[in-house]
Amino acid sequence: MTTNPLELVARRTLDRALRGRGCYTPGLVNRTLAAAGRVVPQAVAASVIYRRWLGSQRRWLEVQR
């Protein structure tokens, strides 16, 4: 799983909001998935996102034990 520092994400989100721009999507993989979601069928994009987060959750749960 990839993570971004909370302070960085918060700063960039607020900067974009104050400039009247759209949402901030942190991380290259997340931005790629967001862009792909605009051009591929929703079912395909949802499946890819589901598998990505399922794998991340499993790894996170293993670390917590």
Protein backbone atom coordinates (compact mmCIF):
# COMPACT_ATOMS: atom_id res chain seq x y z
CA MET A 1 0.00 0.00 0.00
CA THR A 2 1.25 3.46 -0.75
CA THR A 3 0.71 6.36 1.59
CA ASN A 4 1.14 10.09 1.45
CA PRO A 5 1.88 12.29 4.45
CA LEU A 6 -1.39 13.63 5.84
CA GLU A 7 -0.01 17.16 6.08
CA LEU A 8 0.92 17.15 2.37
CA VAL A 9 -2.49 15.87 1.28
CA ALA A 10 -4.30 18.38 3.50
CA ARG A 11 -2.17 21.29 2.25
CA ARG A 12 -2.66 20.41 -1.41
CA THR A 13 -6.39 19.83 -0.92
CA LEU A 14 -6.84 23.20 0.79
CA ASP A 15 -4.69 24.99 -1.79
CA ARG A 16 -6.83 23.62 -4.63
CA ALA A 17 -10.07 24.45 -2.81
CA LEU A 18 -8.97 28.03 -2.12
CA ARG A 19 -8.10 28.47 -5.81
CA GLY A 20 -11.55 27.20 -6.79
CA ARG A 21 -10.21 24.08 -8.48
CA GLY A 22 -11.53 20.52 -8.37
CA CYS A 23 -10.68 17.69 -6.03
CA TYR A 24 -7.12 16.72 -5.26
CA THR A 25 -6.31 13.05 -5.84
CA PRO A 26 -3.06 12.09 -4.10
CA GLY A 27 -0.73 9.48 -5.57
CA LEU A 28 0.21 8.53 -9.11
CA VAL A 29 -1.68 5.23 -9.02
CA ASN A 30 -4.84 6.92 -7.73
CA ARG A 31 -4.62 9.65 -10.38
CA THR A 32 -4.09 7.01 -13.07
CA LEU A 33 -7.11 5.06 -11.87
CA ALA A 34 -9.20 8.24 -11.79
CA ALA A 35 -8.21 9.07 -15.38
CA ALA A 36 -8.85 5.50 -16.52
CA GLY A 37 -12.27 5.66 -14.89
CA ARG A 38 -13.23 8.36 -17.38
CA VAL A 39 -12.46 6.23 -20.45
CA VAL A 40 -13.12 2.60 -19.47
CA PRO A 41 -16.47 1.08 -18.50
CA GLN A 42 -17.40 1.70 -14.86
CA ALA A 43 -17.58 -2.03 -14.11
CA VAL A 44 -13.96 -2.52 -15.20
CA ALA A 45 -12.73 0.49 -13.21
CA ALA A 46 -14.67 -0.63 -10.12
CA SER A 47 -13.18 -4.12 -10.37
CA VAL A 48 -9.61 -2.78 -10.58
CA ILE A 49 -10.15 -0.42 -7.64
CA TYR A 50 -11.78 -3.16 -5.58
CA ARG A 51 -8.87 -5.55 -6.13
CA ARG A 52 -6.34 -2.82 -5.30
CA TRP A 53 -8.02 -1.90 -2.02
CA LEU A 54 -8.73 -5.51 -1.08
CA GLY A 55 -5.02 -6.33 -1.41
CA SER A 56 -4.06 -3.22 0.56
CA GLN A 57 -6.51 -4.08 3.33
CA ARG A 58 -5.18 -7.63 3.60
CA ARG A 59 -1.60 -6.38 3.88
CA TRP A 60 -2.64 -3.80 6.48
CA LEU A 61 -4.44 -6.43 8.54
CA GLU A 62 -1.35 -8.66 8.48
CA VAL A 63 0.78 -5.81 9.82
CA GLN A 64 -1.72 -5.14 12.63
CA ARG A 65 -1.48 -8.69 14.01
